[in-house]
Structures are given as structure tokens and as C-alpha cells.
N, C-alpha and C. Protein backbone atom coordinates (compact mmCIF):
# COMPACT_ATOMS: atom_id res chain seq x y z
N MET A 1 -145.91 181.41 -95.44
CA MET A 1 -144.50 181.42 -95.75
C MET A 1 -143.65 181.37 -94.47
N LYS A 2 -144.09 182.11 -93.47
CA LYS A 2 -143.37 182.12 -92.20
C LYS A 2 -143.35 180.72 -91.57
N PHE A 3 -144.51 180.02 -91.65
CA PHE A 3 -144.62 178.67 -91.12
C PHE A 3 -143.66 177.72 -91.85
N LEU A 4 -143.60 177.83 -93.16
CA LEU A 4 -142.72 176.99 -93.95
C LEU A 4 -141.27 177.21 -93.57
N PHE A 5 -140.89 178.46 -93.36
CA PHE A 5 -139.52 178.77 -92.95
C PHE A 5 -139.20 178.12 -91.60
N LEU A 6 -140.14 178.25 -90.64
CA LEU A 6 -139.93 177.65 -89.32
C LEU A 6 -139.84 176.13 -89.41
N LEU A 7 -140.68 175.54 -90.22
CA LEU A 7 -140.66 174.10 -90.41
C LEU A 7 -139.32 173.65 -90.98
N LEU A 8 -138.82 174.33 -91.99
CA LEU A 8 -137.53 174.00 -92.59
C LEU A 8 -136.40 174.18 -91.59
N LEU A 9 -136.50 175.22 -90.76
CA LEU A 9 -135.47 175.46 -89.75
C LEU A 9 -135.43 174.33 -88.74
N VAL A 10 -136.60 173.90 -88.28
CA VAL A 10 -136.67 172.80 -87.30
C VAL A 10 -136.15 171.51 -87.91
N VAL A 11 -136.56 171.20 -89.13
CA VAL A 11 -136.12 169.97 -89.79
C VAL A 11 -134.61 170.00 -90.02
N SER A 12 -134.07 171.13 -90.43
CA SER A 12 -132.64 171.19 -90.70
C SER A 12 -131.80 171.09 -89.44
N CYS A 13 -132.37 171.44 -88.29
CA CYS A 13 -131.64 171.36 -87.03
C CYS A 13 -131.86 170.06 -86.29
N ALA A 14 -132.75 169.24 -86.79
CA ALA A 14 -133.05 167.98 -86.12
C ALA A 14 -131.84 167.06 -86.13
N THR A 15 -131.64 166.38 -85.03
CA THR A 15 -130.52 165.45 -84.91
C THR A 15 -130.90 164.11 -85.48
N PRO A 16 -130.18 163.62 -86.52
CA PRO A 16 -130.47 162.27 -86.99
C PRO A 16 -130.08 161.28 -85.90
N VAL A 17 -130.92 160.30 -85.66
CA VAL A 17 -130.63 159.38 -84.57
C VAL A 17 -130.26 157.99 -85.04
N TYR A 18 -130.61 157.64 -86.26
CA TYR A 18 -130.25 156.31 -86.73
C TYR A 18 -129.12 156.45 -87.73
N GLN A 19 -127.93 156.44 -87.21
CA GLN A 19 -126.73 156.57 -88.00
C GLN A 19 -125.59 155.98 -87.19
N LYS A 20 -124.47 155.81 -87.81
CA LYS A 20 -123.30 155.33 -87.09
C LYS A 20 -122.82 156.42 -86.14
N ILE A 21 -122.50 156.05 -84.91
CA ILE A 21 -121.99 157.02 -83.95
C ILE A 21 -120.72 157.65 -84.52
N GLY A 22 -120.64 158.95 -84.43
CA GLY A 22 -119.48 159.67 -84.94
C GLY A 22 -119.71 160.31 -86.29
N ASP A 23 -120.70 159.83 -87.05
CA ASP A 23 -121.02 160.48 -88.32
C ASP A 23 -121.48 161.90 -88.04
N ASN A 24 -120.93 162.86 -88.72
CA ASN A 24 -121.27 164.27 -88.56
C ASN A 24 -121.04 164.77 -87.13
N GLY A 25 -120.24 164.09 -86.35
CA GLY A 25 -119.91 164.54 -85.00
C GLY A 25 -120.96 164.23 -83.95
N TYR A 26 -122.02 163.51 -84.28
CA TYR A 26 -123.06 163.20 -83.30
C TYR A 26 -122.68 162.00 -82.45
N ARG A 27 -123.15 161.99 -81.21
CA ARG A 27 -122.89 160.90 -80.28
C ARG A 27 -124.08 159.97 -80.13
N VAL A 28 -125.12 160.17 -80.93
CA VAL A 28 -126.28 159.28 -80.90
C VAL A 28 -126.23 158.38 -82.12
N GLY A 29 -126.81 157.19 -81.99
CA GLY A 29 -126.81 156.26 -83.10
C GLY A 29 -126.30 154.90 -82.68
N TYR A 30 -125.70 154.19 -83.62
CA TYR A 30 -125.25 152.82 -83.36
C TYR A 30 -123.76 152.67 -83.61
N GLU A 31 -123.21 151.63 -83.02
CA GLU A 31 -121.88 151.14 -83.37
C GLU A 31 -121.87 149.65 -83.10
N ASP A 32 -121.06 148.93 -83.85
CA ASP A 32 -120.99 147.49 -83.66
C ASP A 32 -119.57 147.02 -83.89
N THR A 33 -119.26 145.90 -83.25
CA THR A 33 -117.93 145.30 -83.36
C THR A 33 -118.11 143.80 -83.57
N GLN A 34 -117.42 143.26 -84.57
CA GLN A 34 -117.47 141.82 -84.79
C GLN A 34 -116.53 141.16 -83.80
N LEU A 35 -117.05 140.24 -82.99
CA LEU A 35 -116.26 139.54 -81.97
C LEU A 35 -115.74 138.19 -82.47
N SER A 36 -116.51 137.54 -83.30
CA SER A 36 -116.11 136.29 -83.95
C SER A 36 -116.96 136.16 -85.20
N ARG A 37 -116.88 135.03 -85.88
CA ARG A 37 -117.57 134.88 -87.17
C ARG A 37 -119.05 135.26 -87.12
N ASP A 38 -119.79 134.78 -86.13
CA ASP A 38 -121.22 135.04 -86.05
C ASP A 38 -121.62 135.75 -84.76
N ARG A 39 -120.69 136.43 -84.13
CA ARG A 39 -120.96 137.10 -82.86
C ARG A 39 -120.56 138.57 -82.95
N TYR A 40 -121.48 139.44 -82.54
CA TYR A 40 -121.25 140.89 -82.61
C TYR A 40 -121.66 141.56 -81.31
N GLN A 41 -120.97 142.63 -80.98
CA GLN A 41 -121.43 143.52 -79.92
C GLN A 41 -122.06 144.71 -80.61
N VAL A 42 -123.29 145.04 -80.22
CA VAL A 42 -124.03 146.13 -80.83
C VAL A 42 -124.40 147.12 -79.72
N ARG A 43 -124.21 148.40 -80.01
CA ARG A 43 -124.52 149.47 -79.05
C ARG A 43 -125.37 150.51 -79.77
N PHE A 44 -126.44 150.96 -79.08
CA PHE A 44 -127.28 152.02 -79.63
C PHE A 44 -127.49 153.08 -78.55
N VAL A 45 -127.22 154.33 -78.90
CA VAL A 45 -127.33 155.47 -77.97
C VAL A 45 -128.40 156.42 -78.51
N HIS A 46 -129.26 156.90 -77.61
CA HIS A 46 -130.35 157.79 -78.01
C HIS A 46 -130.69 158.72 -76.85
N THR A 47 -131.34 159.81 -77.16
CA THR A 47 -131.79 160.74 -76.12
C THR A 47 -133.09 160.28 -75.47
N LYS A 48 -133.79 159.34 -76.08
CA LYS A 48 -135.03 158.81 -75.54
C LYS A 48 -134.83 157.36 -75.13
N LYS A 49 -134.99 157.09 -73.83
CA LYS A 49 -134.73 155.76 -73.30
C LYS A 49 -135.54 154.68 -74.01
N LYS A 50 -136.80 154.98 -74.37
CA LYS A 50 -137.65 153.96 -75.00
C LYS A 50 -137.17 153.60 -76.40
N GLN A 51 -136.27 154.37 -76.98
CA GLN A 51 -135.79 154.09 -78.33
C GLN A 51 -134.51 153.26 -78.36
N VAL A 52 -133.79 153.14 -77.24
CA VAL A 52 -132.48 152.48 -77.30
C VAL A 52 -132.59 150.99 -77.64
N TYR A 53 -133.56 150.30 -77.09
CA TYR A 53 -133.68 148.88 -77.39
C TYR A 53 -134.19 148.66 -78.81
N VAL A 54 -135.09 149.52 -79.26
CA VAL A 54 -135.61 149.41 -80.63
C VAL A 54 -134.47 149.64 -81.63
N GLY A 55 -133.65 150.64 -81.39
CA GLY A 55 -132.50 150.89 -82.26
C GLY A 55 -131.49 149.75 -82.24
N PHE A 56 -131.29 149.18 -81.06
CA PHE A 56 -130.41 148.02 -80.92
C PHE A 56 -130.93 146.85 -81.76
N LEU A 57 -132.23 146.58 -81.67
CA LEU A 57 -132.83 145.50 -82.44
C LEU A 57 -132.70 145.76 -83.94
N ARG A 58 -132.95 146.99 -84.35
CA ARG A 58 -132.87 147.35 -85.77
C ARG A 58 -131.47 147.10 -86.31
N ARG A 59 -130.46 147.60 -85.62
CA ARG A 59 -129.08 147.42 -86.09
C ARG A 59 -128.70 145.94 -86.09
N SER A 60 -129.12 145.20 -85.09
CA SER A 60 -128.83 143.76 -85.02
C SER A 60 -129.45 143.03 -86.22
N ALA A 61 -130.66 143.42 -86.58
CA ALA A 61 -131.33 142.81 -87.73
C ALA A 61 -130.59 143.13 -89.03
N GLU A 62 -130.13 144.36 -89.17
CA GLU A 62 -129.38 144.74 -90.38
C GLU A 62 -128.10 143.92 -90.53
N ILE A 63 -127.38 143.74 -89.43
CA ILE A 63 -126.16 142.94 -89.46
C ILE A 63 -126.49 141.50 -89.85
N THR A 64 -127.55 140.96 -89.26
CA THR A 64 -127.98 139.59 -89.53
C THR A 64 -128.24 139.38 -91.02
N LEU A 65 -129.01 140.27 -91.62
CA LEU A 65 -129.33 140.14 -93.04
C LEU A 65 -128.10 140.36 -93.92
N ALA A 66 -127.23 141.28 -93.54
CA ALA A 66 -126.00 141.54 -94.32
C ALA A 66 -125.10 140.31 -94.33
N LYS A 67 -125.16 139.52 -93.28
CA LYS A 67 -124.34 138.30 -93.18
C LYS A 67 -125.09 137.06 -93.66
N LYS A 68 -126.23 137.29 -94.34
CA LYS A 68 -127.01 136.21 -94.95
C LYS A 68 -127.55 135.20 -93.94
N LYS A 69 -127.91 135.69 -92.76
CA LYS A 69 -128.54 134.86 -91.74
C LYS A 69 -129.99 135.32 -91.57
N LYS A 70 -130.81 134.50 -90.90
CA LYS A 70 -132.22 134.82 -90.74
C LYS A 70 -132.58 135.30 -89.34
N PHE A 71 -131.87 134.84 -88.34
CA PHE A 71 -132.19 135.14 -86.94
C PHE A 71 -130.96 135.66 -86.21
N PHE A 72 -131.22 136.41 -85.15
CA PHE A 72 -130.16 136.76 -84.20
C PHE A 72 -130.70 136.53 -82.80
N CYS A 73 -129.82 136.11 -81.91
CA CYS A 73 -130.18 135.88 -80.52
C CYS A 73 -129.33 136.79 -79.65
N GLU A 74 -129.98 137.46 -78.73
CA GLU A 74 -129.29 138.35 -77.79
C GLU A 74 -128.80 137.48 -76.63
N ILE A 75 -127.49 137.36 -76.49
CA ILE A 75 -126.96 136.45 -75.46
C ILE A 75 -126.50 137.18 -74.21
N SER A 76 -126.30 138.49 -74.29
CA SER A 76 -126.04 139.31 -73.10
C SER A 76 -126.38 140.74 -73.45
N SER A 77 -126.80 141.51 -72.43
CA SER A 77 -127.18 142.89 -72.71
C SER A 77 -127.20 143.72 -71.45
N GLN A 78 -127.17 145.04 -71.67
CA GLN A 78 -127.23 145.99 -70.56
C GLN A 78 -127.80 147.30 -71.10
N THR A 79 -128.74 147.87 -70.36
CA THR A 79 -129.31 149.17 -70.70
C THR A 79 -128.97 150.13 -69.58
N GLY A 80 -128.58 151.35 -69.94
CA GLY A 80 -128.26 152.34 -68.93
C GLY A 80 -127.83 153.65 -69.54
N LYS A 81 -127.19 154.47 -68.74
CA LYS A 81 -126.72 155.78 -69.19
C LYS A 81 -125.43 155.62 -70.00
N ASP A 82 -125.24 156.53 -70.94
CA ASP A 82 -124.07 156.52 -71.81
C ASP A 82 -122.81 156.92 -71.06
N GLY A 83 -122.93 157.73 -70.02
CA GLY A 83 -121.77 158.15 -69.26
C GLY A 83 -121.26 159.53 -69.64
N ASN A 84 -121.74 160.09 -70.71
CA ASN A 84 -121.37 161.44 -71.10
C ASN A 84 -122.65 162.21 -71.34
N ASP A 85 -122.87 163.25 -70.59
CA ASP A 85 -124.13 163.98 -70.67
C ASP A 85 -124.07 165.21 -71.55
N GLN A 86 -123.07 165.31 -72.41
CA GLN A 86 -123.03 166.44 -73.33
C GLN A 86 -123.07 165.94 -74.76
N LEU A 87 -123.82 166.66 -75.56
CA LEU A 87 -123.97 166.34 -76.97
C LEU A 87 -123.64 167.60 -77.74
N ILE A 88 -122.80 167.51 -78.74
CA ILE A 88 -122.44 168.67 -79.54
C ILE A 88 -123.43 168.79 -80.70
N LEU A 89 -124.15 169.89 -80.74
CA LEU A 89 -125.10 170.15 -81.81
C LEU A 89 -124.76 171.48 -82.45
N GLY A 90 -124.45 171.47 -83.72
CA GLY A 90 -124.14 172.71 -84.40
C GLY A 90 -122.96 173.44 -83.79
N GLY A 91 -122.00 172.71 -83.24
CA GLY A 91 -120.82 173.31 -82.66
C GLY A 91 -120.99 173.78 -81.22
N ALA A 92 -122.19 173.68 -80.67
CA ALA A 92 -122.44 174.11 -79.29
C ALA A 92 -122.75 172.90 -78.42
N ALA A 93 -122.17 172.87 -77.24
CA ALA A 93 -122.41 171.76 -76.31
C ALA A 93 -123.76 171.94 -75.64
N LYS A 94 -124.55 170.89 -75.64
CA LYS A 94 -125.86 170.88 -74.98
C LYS A 94 -125.85 169.77 -73.95
N ASP A 95 -126.49 170.02 -72.82
CA ASP A 95 -126.61 168.97 -71.81
C ASP A 95 -127.79 168.07 -72.17
N TRP A 96 -127.52 166.80 -72.37
CA TRP A 96 -128.52 165.81 -72.71
C TRP A 96 -128.29 164.60 -71.83
N SER A 97 -129.31 163.91 -71.55
CA SER A 97 -129.18 162.65 -70.84
C SER A 97 -129.28 161.55 -71.89
N LEU A 98 -128.17 160.92 -72.18
CA LEU A 98 -128.13 159.89 -73.23
C LEU A 98 -128.26 158.50 -72.60
N ASP A 99 -129.14 157.71 -73.19
CA ASP A 99 -129.31 156.33 -72.77
C ASP A 99 -128.71 155.42 -73.82
N GLN A 100 -128.35 154.22 -73.41
CA GLN A 100 -127.78 153.27 -74.35
C GLN A 100 -128.22 151.85 -74.02
N HIS A 101 -128.17 151.01 -75.04
CA HIS A 101 -128.34 149.57 -74.87
C HIS A 101 -127.17 148.91 -75.58
N VAL A 102 -126.46 148.08 -74.85
CA VAL A 102 -125.32 147.34 -75.40
C VAL A 102 -125.62 145.86 -75.23
N GLY A 103 -125.43 145.12 -76.31
CA GLY A 103 -125.68 143.69 -76.22
C GLY A 103 -124.78 142.90 -77.16
N VAL A 104 -124.63 141.64 -76.85
CA VAL A 104 -123.89 140.73 -77.71
C VAL A 104 -124.92 139.82 -78.37
N ILE A 105 -124.82 139.72 -79.69
CA ILE A 105 -125.74 138.88 -80.45
C ILE A 105 -124.97 137.79 -81.17
N ILE A 106 -125.66 136.70 -81.42
CA ILE A 106 -125.12 135.63 -82.23
C ILE A 106 -126.07 135.42 -83.41
N LEU A 107 -125.53 135.31 -84.60
CA LEU A 107 -126.32 135.18 -85.82
C LEU A 107 -126.60 133.71 -86.09
N LYS A 108 -127.84 133.41 -86.51
CA LYS A 108 -128.23 132.01 -86.74
C LYS A 108 -129.16 131.92 -87.95
N ASN A 109 -129.33 130.71 -88.45
CA ASN A 109 -130.31 130.48 -89.51
C ASN A 109 -131.60 129.88 -88.98
N MET A 110 -131.59 129.49 -87.69
CA MET A 110 -132.79 128.96 -87.05
C MET A 110 -132.94 129.62 -85.69
N SER A 111 -134.19 129.84 -85.29
CA SER A 111 -134.47 130.40 -83.96
C SER A 111 -134.26 129.31 -82.92
N SER A 112 -133.67 129.69 -81.80
CA SER A 112 -133.45 128.70 -80.76
C SER A 112 -133.55 129.35 -79.38
N GLY A 113 -134.76 129.43 -78.86
CA GLY A 113 -134.93 129.90 -77.49
C GLY A 113 -135.35 131.34 -77.35
N ASP A 114 -135.29 131.79 -76.09
CA ASP A 114 -135.68 133.14 -75.75
C ASP A 114 -134.70 134.16 -76.32
N LYS A 115 -135.22 135.34 -76.51
CA LYS A 115 -134.44 136.48 -77.02
C LYS A 115 -133.82 136.21 -78.38
N CYS A 116 -134.50 135.41 -79.18
CA CYS A 116 -134.12 135.21 -80.58
C CYS A 116 -135.17 135.89 -81.45
N TYR A 117 -134.71 136.59 -82.45
CA TYR A 117 -135.60 137.41 -83.28
C TYR A 117 -135.36 137.12 -84.75
N GLU A 118 -136.44 137.17 -85.52
CA GLU A 118 -136.33 137.05 -86.97
C GLU A 118 -135.98 138.43 -87.53
N ALA A 119 -134.89 138.51 -88.25
CA ALA A 119 -134.37 139.79 -88.73
C ALA A 119 -135.36 140.54 -89.62
N LEU A 120 -135.99 139.86 -90.56
CA LEU A 120 -136.94 140.54 -91.46
C LEU A 120 -138.13 141.12 -90.70
N GLU A 121 -138.59 140.42 -89.68
CA GLU A 121 -139.70 140.93 -88.88
C GLU A 121 -139.29 142.18 -88.12
N ILE A 122 -138.10 142.18 -87.57
CA ILE A 122 -137.62 143.37 -86.84
C ILE A 122 -137.51 144.56 -87.80
N ILE A 123 -136.98 144.35 -88.98
CA ILE A 123 -136.87 145.43 -89.96
C ILE A 123 -138.25 146.01 -90.27
N SER A 124 -139.23 145.14 -90.49
CA SER A 124 -140.58 145.62 -90.83
C SER A 124 -141.24 146.36 -89.67
N ARG A 125 -140.88 146.03 -88.44
CA ARG A 125 -141.49 146.68 -87.27
C ARG A 125 -140.75 147.94 -86.83
N THR A 126 -139.63 148.25 -87.45
CA THR A 126 -138.85 149.43 -87.04
C THR A 126 -138.71 150.41 -88.19
N LYS A 127 -139.75 150.59 -88.94
CA LYS A 127 -139.74 151.48 -90.10
C LYS A 127 -139.45 152.94 -89.74
N GLN A 128 -139.71 153.34 -88.48
CA GLN A 128 -139.51 154.74 -88.10
C GLN A 128 -138.05 155.16 -88.26
N PHE A 129 -137.12 154.22 -88.28
CA PHE A 129 -135.71 154.56 -88.45
C PHE A 129 -135.32 154.80 -89.90
N GLU A 130 -136.22 154.55 -90.83
CA GLU A 130 -135.92 154.74 -92.25
C GLU A 130 -136.13 156.17 -92.71
N GLU A 131 -136.75 156.99 -91.88
CA GLU A 131 -137.05 158.37 -92.29
C GLU A 131 -135.83 159.24 -92.35
């Protein structure tokens, strides 16, 4: 019983990472801006550097499918620090090192060149964000 209580406590305090930035006051997750009909800027912020590009790809694929396209191509990008090292968790400020990946994508129905990805394949390879 004690173990179950601790497990529930840990799960209830866990920070969701795949969500829109600002939901529930968290600074981790994604945000995107439509720049033109088929061009978007996508940003993904996470506490684990190895997850920022995966989250960026996942969100880009979701946008692609929502707009009834099959592929997206990353035409510019940058990975680095978020610039704010504090994260509010449960009303208390914690020092975290946040990493981010920001990129501009263009949506297409055909793949054309490097850094073009099939949206359905990206979705199937990023299942960890569905939990």
C-alpha cells in the first residue's frame, strides 16, 4: 500500500511534456505559428535535450496531417537553450535547464530533398508522446 501511494504521488507530480506551452502554467511543450498558407514556425521546449528535436518532429507531423498534407520539410532550424532557467511546478519555482528546438517547416504532398519527413511515419515513431 505504501508503494502504491508513493507511485501515485510521483505520477501526480510528473510534469506533462507534450502539451501546448502555457497549458496549466508549464513552460515545457510546443507552440507553433502559421507564417503563410503552408509554412509554420514550430518550437518545442523540454528539460531533456535529446527530446527537443523529437518533440519538434512530432508537432510538425501533427500540423501536417491536420492540414491534409503528407510531408513536411524543415527549411530552417536552431537548437539551444530556452533562455529562462526557471520552471514553475506546483506554485514553486525550480531551477531547470530548458532546451528548445525552433524550426520553420513547409507542408507538402510530395517529399523533395533533405530534411523532408513523412508525417505518418513520424507519428508512428514518436508514440512515447501519447502517454
